[in-house]
PDB file of N, CA and C in Angstrom:
ATOM      1  N   UNK A   1     148.216  68.883 229.063  1.00  0.00           N
ATOM      2  CA  UNK A   1     147.130  68.586 228.118  1.00  0.00           C
ATOM      3  C   UNK A   1     145.919  67.793 228.786  1.00  0.00           C
ATOM      4  N   UNK A   2     144.819  68.319 228.602  1.00  0.00           N
ATOM      5  CA  UNK A   2     143.533  67.851 229.395  1.00  0.00           C
ATOM      6  C   UNK A   2     143.387  66.171 228.587  1.00  0.00           C
ATOM      7  N   UNK A   3     142.721  65.306 229.447  1.00  0.00           N
ATOM      8  CA  UNK A   3     142.374  64.155 228.816  1.00  0.00           C
ATOM      9  C   UNK A   3     141.403  64.484 227.578  1.00  0.00           C
ATOM     10  N   UNK A   4     140.340  65.464 227.797  1.00  0.00           N
ATOM     11  CA  UNK A   4     139.901  65.882 226.700  1.00  0.00           C
ATOM     12  C   UNK A   4     140.343  66.095 225.490  1.00  0.00           C
ATOM     13  N   UNK A   5     141.551  66.856 225.442  1.00  0.00           N
ATOM     14  CA  UNK A   5     142.298  67.258 224.236  1.00  0.00           C
ATOM     15  C   UNK A   5     143.105  65.948 223.793  1.00  0.00           C
ATOM     16  N   UNK A   6     143.541  64.962 224.718  1.00  0.00           N
ATOM     17  CA  UNK A   6     144.345  63.931 224.380  1.00  0.00           C
ATOM     18  C   UNK A   6     143.474  62.954 223.523  1.00  0.00           C
ATOM     19  N   UNK A   7     142.028  62.814 223.817  1.00  0.00           N
ATOM     20  CA  UNK A   7     141.299  61.875 223.041  1.00  0.00           C
ATOM     21  C   UNK A   7     140.809  62.442 221.773  1.00  0.00           C
ATOM     22  N   UNK A   8     141.007  63.877 221.662  1.00  0.00           N
ATOM     23  CA  UNK A   8     140.626  64.402 220.261  1.00  0.00           C
ATOM     24  C   UNK A   8     139.443  65.488 220.434  1.00  0.00           C
ATOM     25  N   UNK A   9     139.132  66.001 221.686  1.00  0.00           N
ATOM     26  CA  UNK A   9     138.181  67.000 221.586  1.00  0.00           C
ATOM     27  C   UNK A   9     136.766  66.758 221.324  1.00  0.00           C
ATOM     28  N   UNK A  10     135.986  67.905 221.080  1.00  0.00           N
ATOM     29  CA  UNK A  10     134.529  67.676 220.725  1.00  0.00           C
ATOM     30  C   UNK A  10     134.279  66.734 219.787  1.00  0.00           C
ATOM     31  N   UNK A  11     135.028  66.425 218.750  1.00  0.00           N
ATOM     32  CA  UNK A  11     134.755  65.632 217.792  1.00  0.00           C
ATOM     33  C   UNK A  11     134.764  64.102 218.122  1.00  0.00           C
ATOM     34  N   UNK A  12     135.733  63.992 219.199  1.00  0.00           N
ATOM     35  CA  UNK A  12     136.099  62.344 219.569  1.00  0.00           C
ATOM     36  C   UNK A  12     134.817  62.185 220.616  1.00  0.00           C
ATOM     37  N   UNK A  13     134.471  63.262 221.433  1.00  0.00           N
ATOM     38  CA  UNK A  13     133.513  62.744 222.611  1.00  0.00           C
ATOM     39  C   UNK A  13     132.162  62.712 221.774  1.00  0.00           C
ATOM     40  N   UNK A  14     131.858  63.512 220.823  1.00  0.00           N
ATOM     41  CA  UNK A  14     130.609  63.095 219.969  1.00  0.00           C
ATOM     42  C   UNK A  14     130.547  61.859 219.231  1.00  0.00           C
ATOM     43  N   UNK A  15     131.802  61.606 218.777  1.00  0.00           N
ATOM     44  CA  UNK A  15     131.655  60.036 218.156  1.00  0.00           C
ATOM     45  C   UNK A  15     131.522  58.886 219.195  1.00  0.00           C
ATOM     46  N   UNK A  16     132.287  59.238 220.284  1.00  0.00           N
ATOM     47  CA  UNK A  16     132.315  58.451 221.406  1.00  0.00           C
ATOM     48  C   UNK A  16     130.840  58.168 221.817  1.00  0.00           C
ATOM     49  N   UNK A  17     130.070  59.177 221.986  1.00  0.00           N
ATOM     50  CA  UNK A  17     128.683  59.213 222.464  1.00  0.00           C
ATOM     51  C   UNK A  17     127.849  58.376 221.663  1.00  0.00           C
ATOM     52  N   UNK A  18     127.970  58.751 220.258  1.00  0.00           N
ATOM     53  CA  UNK A  18     127.154  57.982 219.539  1.00  0.00           C
ATOM     54  C   UNK A  18     127.361  56.460 219.208  1.00  0.00           C
ATOM     55  N   UNK A  19     128.558  56.403 219.465  1.00  0.00           N
ATOM     56  CA  UNK A  19     129.084  54.779 219.071  1.00  0.00           C
ATOM     57  C   UNK A  19     128.751  53.952 220.511  1.00  0.00           C
ATOM     58  N   UNK A  20     128.895  54.749 221.612  1.00  0.00           N
ATOM     59  CA  UNK A  20     128.408  54.279 222.900  1.00  0.00           C
ATOM     60  C   UNK A  20     126.932  53.841 222.984  1.00  0.00           C
ATOM     61  N   UNK A  21     126.233  55.006 222.632  1.00  0.00           N
ATOM     62  CA  UNK A  21     124.711  54.631 222.516  1.00  0.00           C
ATOM     63  C   UNK A  21     124.205  53.337 221.674  1.00  0.00           C
ATOM     64  N   UNK A  22     125.032  53.359 220.652  1.00  0.00           N
ATOM     65  CA  UNK A  22     124.587  52.279 219.508  1.00  0.00           C
ATOM     66  C   UNK A  22     124.875  51.150 220.195  1.00  0.00           C
ATOM     67  N   UNK A  23     125.773  50.783 220.898  1.00  0.00           N
ATOM     68  CA  UNK A  23     126.087  49.631 221.835  1.00  0.00           C
ATOM     69  C   UNK A  23     125.105  49.564 222.666  1.00  0.00           C
ATOM     70  N   UNK A  24     124.809  50.343 223.477  1.00  0.00           N
ATOM     71  CA  UNK A  24     123.723  50.297 224.714  1.00  0.00           C
ATOM     72  C   UNK A  24     122.573  49.777 224.412  1.00  0.00           C
ATOM     73  N   UNK A  25     121.941  50.546 223.224  1.00  0.00           N
ATOM     74  CA  UNK A  25     120.804  50.346 222.601  1.00  0.00           C
ATOM     75  C   UNK A  25     120.687  48.919 221.885  1.00  0.00           C
ATOM     76  N   UNK A  26     121.803  48.607 221.409  1.00  0.00           N
ATOM     77  CA  UNK A  26     121.517  47.188 220.931  1.00  0.00           C
ATOM     78  C   UNK A  26     121.741  45.951 221.961  1.00  0.00           C
ATOM     79  N   UNK A  27     121.845  46.451 223.035  1.00  0.00           N
ATOM     80  CA  UNK A  27     122.108  45.532 224.432  1.00  0.00           C
ATOM     81  C   UNK A  27     120.693  45.236 225.170  1.00  0.00           C
ATOM     82  N   UNK A  28     120.287  44.034 225.006  1.00  0.00           N
ATOM     83  CA  UNK A  28     118.861  43.899 225.620  1.00  0.00           C
ATOM     84  C   UNK A  28     118.679  43.891 227.091  1.00  0.00           C
ATOM     85  N   UNK A  29     119.848  43.977 227.686  1.00  0.00           N
ATOM     86  CA  UNK A  29     119.837  44.162 229.071  1.00  0.00           C
ATOM     87  C   UNK A  29     119.695  45.768 229.554  1.00  0.00           C
ATOM     88  N   UNK A  30     120.299  46.540 228.679  1.00  0.00           N
ATOM     89  CA  UNK A  30     120.421  48.073 228.882  1.00  0.00           C
ATOM     90  C   UNK A  30     119.452  48.692 228.185  1.00  0.00           C
ATOM     91  N   UNK A  31     118.925  48.402 226.900  1.00  0.00           N
ATOM     92  CA  UNK A  31     118.007  49.331 226.366  1.00  0.00           C
ATOM     93  C   UNK A  31     116.829  49.550 227.018  1.00  0.00           C
ATOM     94  N   UNK A  32     116.407  48.660 227.832  1.00  0.00           N
ATOM     95  CA  UNK A  32     115.037  48.990 228.502  1.00  0.00           C
ATOM     96  C   UNK A  32     115.040  49.995 229.430  1.00  0.00           C
ATOM     97  N   UNK A  33     116.188  50.576 229.852  1.00  0.00           N
ATOM     98  CA  UNK A  33     116.370  51.562 230.732  1.00  0.00           C
ATOM     99  C   UNK A  33     115.934  52.958 229.958  1.00  0.00           C
ATOM    100  N   UNK A  34     115.933  52.779 228.655  1.00  0.00           N
ATOM    101  CA  UNK A  34     115.767  54.006 227.715  1.00  0.00           C
ATOM    102  C   UNK A  34     114.429  54.147 227.122  1.00  0.00           C
ATOM    103  N   UNK A  35     113.717  53.229 227.406  1.00  0.00           N
ATOM    104  CA  UNK A  35     112.394  53.164 226.757  1.00  0.00           C
ATOM    105  C   UNK A  35     111.441  54.562 227.329  1.00  0.00           C
ATOM    106  N   UNK A  36     110.913  55.049 226.246  1.00  0.00           N
ATOM    107  CA  UNK A  36     110.162  56.213 226.561  1.00  0.00           C
ATOM    108  C   UNK A  36     111.039  57.704 226.688  1.00  0.00           C
ATOM    109  N   UNK A  37     112.326  57.522 226.754  1.00  0.00           N
ATOM    110  CA  UNK A  37     113.153  58.640 227.005  1.00  0.00           C
ATOM    111  C   UNK A  37     113.484  59.152 225.784  1.00  0.00           C
ATOM    112  N   UNK A  38     113.972  60.408 225.674  1.00  0.00           N
ATOM    113  CA  UNK A  38     114.442  61.333 224.634  1.00  0.00           C
ATOM    114  C   UNK A  38     115.966  61.029 224.595  1.00  0.00           C
ATOM    115  N   UNK A  39     116.229  60.153 223.715  1.00  0.00           N
ATOM    116  CA  UNK A  39     117.551  59.814 223.481  1.00  0.00           C
ATOM    117  C   UNK A  39     118.606  60.846 222.905  1.00  0.00           C
ATOM    118  N   UNK A  40     117.782  61.639 222.212  1.00  0.00           N
ATOM    119  CA  UNK A  40     118.476  62.664 221.838  1.00  0.00           C
ATOM    120  C   UNK A  40     119.063  63.709 222.876  1.00  0.00           C
ATOM    121  N   UNK A  41     118.258  63.867 223.886  1.00  0.00           N
ATOM    122  CA  UNK A  41     118.569  64.938 224.898  1.00  0.00           C
ATOM    123  C   UNK A  41     119.437  64.079 225.712  1.00  0.00           C
ATOM    124  N   UNK A  42     119.185  62.777 225.961  1.00  0.00           N
ATOM    125  CA  UNK A  42     120.300  62.166 226.770  1.00  0.00           C
ATOM    126  C   UNK A  42     121.760  62.246 226.246  1.00  0.00           C
ATOM    127  N   UNK A  43     121.653  61.924 224.974  1.00  0.00           N
ATOM    128  CA  UNK A  43     123.131  62.227 224.223  1.00  0.00           C
ATOM    129  C   UNK A  43     123.476  63.541 224.585  1.00  0.00           C
ATOM    130  N   UNK A  44     122.788  64.506 224.276  1.00  0.00           N
ATOM    131  CA  UNK A  44     123.463  65.897 224.571  1.00  0.00           C
ATOM    132  C   UNK A  44     123.976  66.055 225.952  1.00  0.00           C
ATOM    133  N   UNK A  45     123.373  65.599 226.790  1.00  0.00           N
ATOM    134  CA  UNK A  45     123.694  65.579 228.102  1.00  0.00           C
ATOM    135  C   UNK A  45     125.005  64.949 228.404  1.00  0.00           C
ATOM    136  N   UNK A  46     124.973  63.660 227.975  1.00  0.00           N
ATOM    137  CA  UNK A  46     126.280  62.746 227.916  1.00  0.00           C
ATOM    138  C   UNK A  46     127.362  63.521 227.259  1.00  0.00           C
ATOM    139  N   UNK A  47     127.252  64.063 226.265  1.00  0.00           N
ATOM    140  CA  UNK A  47     128.350  64.694 225.526  1.00  0.00           C
ATOM    141  C   UNK A  47     128.845  65.816 226.526  1.00  0.00           C
ATOM    142  N   UNK A  48     127.819  66.733 227.108  1.00  0.00           N
ATOM    143  CA  UNK A  48     128.403  67.696 228.256  1.00  0.00           C
ATOM    144  C   UNK A  48     129.045  66.977 229.173  1.00  0.00           C
ATOM    145  N   UNK A  49     128.564  66.122 229.801  1.00  0.00           N
ATOM    146  CA  UNK A  49     129.098  65.431 231.182  1.00  0.00           C
ATOM    147  C   UNK A  49     130.529  64.837 230.704  1.00  0.00           C
ATOM    148  N   UNK A  50     130.648  64.092 229.588  1.00  0.00           N
ATOM    149  CA  UNK A  50     131.958  63.668 229.377  1.00  0.00           C
ATOM    150  C   UNK A  50     133.056  64.725 229.328  1.00  0.00           C
ATOM    151  N   UNK A  51     132.519  65.840 228.327  1.00  0.00           N
ATOM    152  CA  UNK A  51     133.349  67.013 228.320  1.00  0.00           C
ATOM    153  C   UNK A  51     133.966  67.482 229.513  1.00  0.00           C
ATOM    154  N   UNK A  52     133.021  67.774 230.499  1.00  0.00           N
ATOM    155  CA  UNK A  52     133.374  68.292 231.903  1.00  0.00           C
ATOM    156  C   UNK A  52     134.201  67.127 232.699  1.00  0.00           C
ATOM    157  N   UNK A  53     133.778  65.975 232.615  1.00  0.00           N
ATOM    158  CA  UNK A  53     134.676  64.914 233.127  1.00  0.00           C
ATOM    159  C   UNK A  53     135.964  64.736 232.839  1.00  0.00           C
ATOM    160  N   UNK A  54     136.295  64.977 231.354  1.00  0.00           N
ATOM    161  CA  UNK A  54     137.532  64.815 230.964  1.00  0.00           C
ATOM    162  C   UNK A  54     138.365  66.079 230.803  1.00  0.00           C
ATOM    163  N   UNK A  55     137.730  67.137 231.611  1.00  0.00           N
ATOM    164  CA  UNK A  55     138.499  68.488 231.875  1.00  0.00           C
ATOM    165  C   UNK A  55     138.281  69.409 230.415  1.00  0.00           C
ATOM    166  N   UNK A  56     137.404  69.147 229.959  1.00  0.00           N
ATOM    167  CA  UNK A  56     137.200  69.877 228.757  1.00  0.00           C
ATOM    168  C   UNK A  56     136.540  71.288 228.892  1.00  0.00           C
ATOM    169  N   UNK A  57     136.319  72.008 227.894  1.00  0.00           N
ATOM    170  CA  UNK A  57     135.804  73.538 228.004  1.00  0.00           C
ATOM    171  C   UNK A  57     134.422  73.794 228.350  1.00  0.00           C
ATOM    172  N   UNK A  58     133.479  72.738 228.210  1.00  0.00           N
ATOM    173  CA  UNK A  58     131.991  73.191 228.451  1.00  0.00           C
ATOM    174  C   UNK A  58     131.693  72.721 230.180  1.00  0.00           C
ATOM    175  N   UNK A  59     130.708  73.258 230.347  1.00  0.00           N
ATOM    176  CA  UNK A  59     130.121  73.230 231.765  1.00  0.00           C
ATOM    177  C   UNK A  59     128.899  72.477 231.727  1.00  0.00           C
ATOM    178  N   UNK A  60     128.929  71.569 232.489  1.00  0.00           N
ATOM    179  CA  UNK A  60     127.666  70.481 232.421  1.00  0.00           C
ATOM    180  C   UNK A  60     126.635  71.109 233.493  1.00  0.00           C
ATOM    181  N   UNK A  61     125.608  71.032 233.065  1.00  0.00           N
ATOM    182  CA  UNK A  61     124.410  71.933 233.744  1.00  0.00           C
ATOM    183  C   UNK A  61     123.366  71.075 233.994  1.00  0.00           C
ATOM    184  N   UNK A  62     123.371  69.541 233.935  1.00  0.00           N
ATOM    185  CA  UNK A  62     122.476  68.477 234.154  1.00  0.00           C
ATOM    186  C   UNK A  62     122.309  68.318 235.669  1.00  0.00           C
ATOM    187  N   UNK A  63     121.646  67.371 235.982  1.00  0.00           N
ATOM    188  CA  UNK A  63     121.313  66.867 237.179  1.00  0.00           C
ATOM    189  C   UNK A  63     122.460  66.247 237.727  1.00  0.00           C
ATOM    190  N   UNK A  64     122.669  66.200 239.073  1.00  0.00           N
ATOM    191  CA  UNK A  64     123.480  65.194 239.665  1.00  0.00           C
ATOM    192  C   UNK A  64     123.419  63.935 239.184  1.00  0.00           C
ATOM    193  N   UNK A  65     124.573  63.129 239.296  1.00  0.00           N
ATOM    194  CA  UNK A  65     124.528  61.475 238.914  1.00  0.00           C
ATOM    195  C   UNK A  65     123.473  60.925 239.448  1.00  0.00           C
ATOM    196  N   UNK A  66     123.479  61.207 240.903  1.00  0.00           N
ATOM    197  CA  UNK A  66     122.510  60.526 241.812  1.00  0.00           C
ATOM    198  C   UNK A  66     120.879  60.760 241.343  1.00  0.00           C
ATOM    199  N   UNK A  67     120.713  62.140 241.217  1.00  0.00           N
ATOM    200  CA  UNK A  67     119.531  62.310 240.856  1.00  0.00           C
ATOM    201  C   UNK A  67     119.183  61.962 239.358  1.00  0.00           C
ATOM    202  N   UNK A  68     119.990  62.123 238.595  1.00  0.00           N
ATOM    203  CA  UNK A  68     119.656  61.598 237.123  1.00  0.00           C
ATOM    204  C   UNK A  68     119.266  60.260 236.985  1.00  0.00           C
ATOM    205  N   UNK A  69     119.983  59.530 237.872  1.00  0.00           N
ATOM    206  CA  UNK A  69     119.684  57.810 238.028  1.00  0.00           C
ATOM    207  C   UNK A  69     118.665  57.360 238.950  1.00  0.00           C
ATOM    208  N   UNK A  70     118.346  58.328 239.824  1.00  0.00           N
ATOM    209  CA  UNK A  70     117.370  57.670 240.888  1.00  0.00           C
ATOM    210  C   UNK A  70     116.171  57.357 240.381  1.00  0.00           C
ATOM    211  N   UNK A  71     115.676  55.944 240.970  1.00  0.00           N
ATOM    212  CA  UNK A  71     114.596  55.402 240.516  1.00  0.00           C
ATOM    213  C   UNK A  71     114.671  54.285 239.492  1.00  0.00           C
ATOM    214  N   UNK A  72     115.766  54.380 238.681  1.00  0.00           N
ATOM    215  CA  UNK A  72     116.166  53.399 237.799  1.00  0.00           C
ATOM    216  C   UNK A  72     116.550  52.045 238.232  1.00  0.00           C
ATOM    217  N   UNK A  73     116.756  51.915 239.279  1.00  0.00           N
ATOM    218  CA  UNK A  73     117.063  50.613 239.996  1.00  0.00           C
ATOM    219  C   UNK A  73     118.307  49.918 239.306  1.00  0.00           C
ATOM    220  N   UNK A  74     119.200  50.665 239.036  1.00  0.00           N
ATOM    221  CA  UNK A  74     120.567  50.481 238.575  1.00  0.00           C
ATOM    222  C   UNK A  74     121.189  49.420 239.386  1.00  0.00           C
ATOM    223  N   UNK A  75     121.784  48.181 238.682  1.00  0.00           N
ATOM    224  CA  UNK A  75     122.588  47.462 239.527  1.00  0.00           C
ATOM    225  C   UNK A  75     123.994  47.517 239.170  1.00  0.00           C
ATOM    226  N   UNK A  76     124.709  46.910 240.139  1.00  0.00           N
ATOM    227  CA  UNK A  76     126.311  46.832 239.866  1.00  0.00           C
ATOM    228  C   UNK A  76     126.411  46.168 238.596  1.00  0.00           C
ATOM    229  N   UNK A  77     125.839  45.141 238.305  1.00  0.00           N
ATOM    230  CA  UNK A  77     126.040  44.430 237.073  1.00  0.00           C
ATOM    231  C   UNK A  77     125.757  45.193 235.751  1.00  0.00           C
ATOM    232  N   UNK A  78     124.589  45.947 235.811  1.00  0.00           N
ATOM    233  CA  UNK A  78     124.141  46.756 234.701  1.00  0.00           C
ATOM    234  C   UNK A  78     125.436  48.097 234.658  1.00  0.00           C
ATOM    235  N   UNK A  79     125.724  48.444 235.717  1.00  0.00           N
ATOM    236  CA  UNK A  79     126.701  49.675 235.723  1.00  0.00           C
ATOM    237  C   UNK A  79     127.981  49.119 235.154  1.00  0.00           C
ATOM    238  N   UNK A  80     128.419  48.020 235.421  1.00  0.00           N
ATOM    239  CA  UNK A  80     129.693  47.266 234.979  1.00  0.00           C
ATOM    240  C   UNK A  80     129.500  47.008 233.291  1.00  0.00           C
ATOM    241  N   UNK A  81     128.200  46.651 232.891  1.00  0.00           N
ATOM    242  CA  UNK A  81     127.920  46.066 231.655  1.00  0.00           C
ATOM    243  C   UNK A  81     128.042  47.581 230.793  1.00  0.00           C
ATOM    244  N   UNK A  82     127.533  48.377 231.575  1.00  0.00           N
ATOM    245  CA  UNK A  82     127.620  49.932 230.700  1.00  0.00           C
ATOM    246  C   UNK A  82     129.016  50.316 230.592  1.00  0.00           C
ATOM    247  N   UNK A  83     130.004  50.070 231.548  1.00  0.00           N
ATOM    248  CA  UNK A  83     131.470  50.353 231.468  1.00  0.00           C
ATOM    249  C   UNK A  83     132.027  49.730 230.141  1.00  0.00           C
ATOM    250  N   UNK A  84     131.635  48.278 230.189  1.00  0.00           N
ATOM    251  CA  UNK A  84     132.215  47.382 229.277  1.00  0.00           C
ATOM    252  C   UNK A  84     131.946  48.131 227.897  1.00  0.00           C
ATOM    253  N   UNK A  85     130.801  48.740 227.714  1.00  0.00           N
ATOM    254  CA  UNK A  85     130.348  49.232 226.332  1.00  0.00           C
ATOM    255  C   UNK A  85     131.277  50.428 226.058  1.00  0.00           C
ATOM    256  N   UNK A  86     131.417  51.137 227.268  1.00  0.00           N
ATOM    257  CA  UNK A  86     132.420  52.349 227.124  1.00  0.00           C
ATOM    258  C   UNK A  86     133.710  51.977 226.838  1.00  0.00           C
ATOM    259  N   UNK A  87     134.345  50.890 227.374  1.00  0.00           N
ATOM    260  CA  UNK A  87     135.580  50.501 227.032  1.00  0.00           C
ATOM    261  C   UNK A  87     135.827  49.997 225.554  1.00  0.00           C
ATOM    262  N   UNK A  88     134.585  49.266 224.961  1.00  0.00           N
ATOM    263  CA  UNK A  88     134.879  48.934 223.581  1.00  0.00           C
ATOM    264  C   UNK A  88     134.700  50.177 222.749  1.00  0.00           C
ATOM    265  N   UNK A  89     133.857  51.102 223.034  1.00  0.00           N
ATOM    266  CA  UNK A  89     133.929  52.308 222.272  1.00  0.00           C
ATOM    267  C   UNK A  89     135.326  52.948 222.381  1.00  0.00           C
ATOM    268  N   UNK A  90     135.925  53.178 223.538  1.00  0.00           N
ATOM    269  CA  UNK A  90     137.142  53.868 223.351  1.00  0.00           C
ATOM    270  C   UNK A  90     138.180  52.795 222.535  1.00  0.00           C
ATOM    271  N   UNK A  91     138.081  51.734 222.767  1.00  0.00           N
ATOM    272  CA  UNK A  91     139.043  50.647 221.866  1.00  0.00           C
ATOM    273  C   UNK A  91     138.633  50.881 220.237  1.00  0.00           C
ATOM    274  N   UNK A  92     137.564  50.848 220.062  1.00  0.00           N
ATOM    275  CA  UNK A  92     136.954  51.427 218.468  1.00  0.00           C
ATOM    276  C   UNK A  92     137.612  52.515 218.263  1.00  0.00           C
ATOM    277  N   UNK A  93     137.835  53.610 219.007  1.00  0.00           N
ATOM    278  CA  UNK A  93     138.260  54.936 218.574  1.00  0.00           C
ATOM    279  C   UNK A  93     139.626  55.051 218.923  1.00  0.00           C
ATOM    280  N   UNK A  94     140.384  53.485 218.961  1.00  0.00           N
ATOM    281  CA  UNK A  94     141.799  53.549 219.195  1.00  0.00           C
ATOM    282  C   UNK A  94     142.434  54.678 220.405  1.00  0.00           C
ATOM    283  N   UNK A  95     141.729  54.772 221.613  1.00  0.00           N
ATOM    284  CA  UNK A  95     142.161  55.469 222.455  1.00  0.00           C
ATOM    285  C   UNK A  95     143.196  54.696 223.315  1.00  0.00           C
ATOM    286  N   UNK A  96     144.426  55.268 223.657  1.00  0.00           N
ATOM    287  CA  UNK A  96     145.437  54.340 223.992  1.00  0.00           C
ATOM    288  C   UNK A  96     145.152  53.820 225.540  1.00  0.00           C
ATOM    289  N   UNK A  97     145.612  52.465 225.939  1.00  0.00           N
ATOM    290  CA  UNK A  97     145.223  51.803 227.038  1.00  0.00           C
ATOM    291  C   UNK A  97     145.362  52.813 228.426  1.00  0.00           C
ATOM    292  N   UNK A  98     146.550  53.504 228.403  1.00  0.00           N
ATOM    293  CA  UNK A  98     146.496  54.296 229.466  1.00  0.00           C
ATOM    294  C   UNK A  98     145.560  55.273 229.765  1.00  0.00           C
ATOM    295  N   UNK A  99     145.437  55.871 228.426  1.00  0.00           N
ATOM    296  CA  UNK A  99     144.314  56.965 228.415  1.00  0.00           C
ATOM    297  C   UNK A  99     142.761  56.493 228.763  1.00  0.00           C
ATOM    298  N   UNK A 100     142.469  55.415 228.028  1.00  0.00           N
ATOM    299  CA  UNK A 100     141.087  54.442 228.276  1.00  0.00           C
ATOM    300  C   UNK A 100     140.986  54.114 229.841  1.00  0.00           C
ATOM    301  N   UNK A 101     142.145  53.672 230.433  1.00  0.00           N
ATOM    302  CA  UNK A 101     142.042  53.388 231.909  1.00  0.00           C
ATOM    303  C   UNK A 101     141.736  54.654 232.696  1.00  0.00           C
ATOM    304  N   UNK A 102     142.214  55.860 232.499  1.00  0.00           N
ATOM    305  CA  UNK A 102     142.329  57.048 233.056  1.00  0.00           C
ATOM    306  C   UNK A 102     140.607  57.504 232.891  1.00  0.00           C
ATOM    307  N   UNK A 103     140.185  57.224 231.693  1.00  0.00           N
ATOM    308  CA  UNK A 103     138.777  57.617 231.536  1.00  0.00           C
ATOM    309  C   UNK A 103     137.692  56.545 232.210  1.00  0.00           C
ATOM    310  N   UNK A 104     137.936  55.530 232.264  1.00  0.00           N
ATOM    311  CA  UNK A 104     137.166  54.385 232.756  1.00  0.00           C
ATOM    312  C   UNK A 104     137.174  54.576 234.537  1.00  0.00           C
ATOM    313  N   UNK A 105     138.198  55.138 234.996  1.00  0.00           N
ATOM    314  CA  UNK A 105     138.472  55.334 236.503  1.00  0.00           C
ATOM    315  C   UNK A 105     137.676  56.369 237.000  1.00  0.00           C
ATOM    316  N   UNK A 106     137.721  57.432 235.757  1.00  0.00           N
ATOM    317  CA  UNK A 106     136.835  58.765 236.296  1.00  0.00           C
ATOM    318  C   UNK A 106     135.388  58.358 236.262  1.00  0.00           C
ATOM    319  N   UNK A 107     134.737  57.404 235.457  1.00  0.00           N
ATOM    320  CA  UNK A 107     133.486  56.823 235.452  1.00  0.00           C
ATOM    321  C   UNK A 107     133.200  56.059 236.596  1.00  0.00           C
ATOM    322  N   UNK A 108     134.242  55.121 237.063  1.00  0.00           N
ATOM    323  CA  UNK A 108     133.938  54.207 238.015  1.00  0.00           C
ATOM    324  C   UNK A 108     133.732  55.018 239.385  1.00  0.00           C
ATOM    325  N   UNK A 109     134.139  56.232 239.428  1.00  0.00           N
ATOM    326  CA  UNK A 109     134.163  56.953 240.663  1.00  0.00           C
ATOM    327  C   UNK A 109     132.592  57.136 240.883  1.00  0.00           C
ATOM    328  N   UNK A 110     131.776  57.277 239.647  1.00  0.00           N
ATOM    329  CA  UNK A 110     130.332  57.444 239.673  1.00  0.00           C
ATOM    330  C   UNK A 110     129.599  56.564 240.392  1.00  0.00           C
ATOM    331  N   UNK A 111     129.987  55.174 240.386  1.00  0.00           N
ATOM    332  CA  UNK A 111     129.468  54.033 240.725  1.00  0.00           C
ATOM    333  C   UNK A 111     128.486  54.218 241.919  1.00  0.00           C
ATOM    334  N   UNK A 112     128.967  54.662 242.894  1.00  0.00           N
ATOM    335  CA  UNK A 112     128.288  54.841 244.191  1.00  0.00           C
ATOM    336  C   UNK A 112     127.016  55.847 244.038  1.00  0.00           C
ATOM    337  N   UNK A 113     127.229  56.894 243.094  1.00  0.00           N
ATOM    338  CA  UNK A 113     126.160  57.619 242.886  1.00  0.00           C
ATOM    339  C   UNK A 113     124.848  57.067 242.011  1.00  0.00           C
ATOM    340  N   UNK A 114     125.317  56.236 241.245  1.00  0.00           N
ATOM    341  CA  UNK A 114     124.468  55.722 240.098  1.00  0.00           C
ATOM    342  C   UNK A 114     123.721  54.363 240.639  1.00  0.00           C
ATOM    343  N   UNK A 115     124.525  53.449 241.171  1.00  0.00           N
ATOM    344  CA  UNK A 115     123.908  52.093 241.698  1.00  0.00           C
ATOM    345  C   UNK A 115     122.890  52.293 242.668  1.00  0.00           C
ATOM    346  N   UNK A 116     121.942  51.984 242.584  1.00  0.00           N
ATOM    347  CA  UNK A 116     120.965  51.680 243.664  1.00  0.00           C
ATOM    348  C   UNK A 116     120.592  50.263 244.236  1.00  0.00           C
ATOM    349  N   UNK A 117     120.709  49.398 243.358  1.00  0.00           N
ATOM    350  CA  UNK A 117     120.566  48.030 243.826  1.00  0.00           C
ATOM    351  C   UNK A 117     121.802  47.427 243.960  1.00  0.00           C
ATOM    352  N   UNK A 118     122.201  46.805 245.111  1.00  0.00           N
ATOM    353  CA  UNK A 118     123.490  46.199 245.292  1.00  0.00           C
ATOM    354  C   UNK A 118     123.304  44.622 245.806  1.00  0.00           C
TER     355      UNK A 118
END
């Protein structure tokens, strides 16, 4: 069974994305990164990205992580803070600790492509 199926499929991914962005947008450090951006489109891409990342059925056709985040001056601190919001979201959705750790490890692999300021 894929991680996607284990966490609850499309419904769980959609709920996770909504909850995650509620947290991110309420964070004074992170919300400025989204000023002037189409949050609806970002959420759509995020759902597609998470689905593919978790071995789900959809195909992500967005930009590479490096290209999508280029020029945003994302620091290690910002990346870590974002991961903390994702972890809290997964806790809120009662994702089991082993599964949560697996999801976070898959995102952590993206750090090198997303972080520009070290």
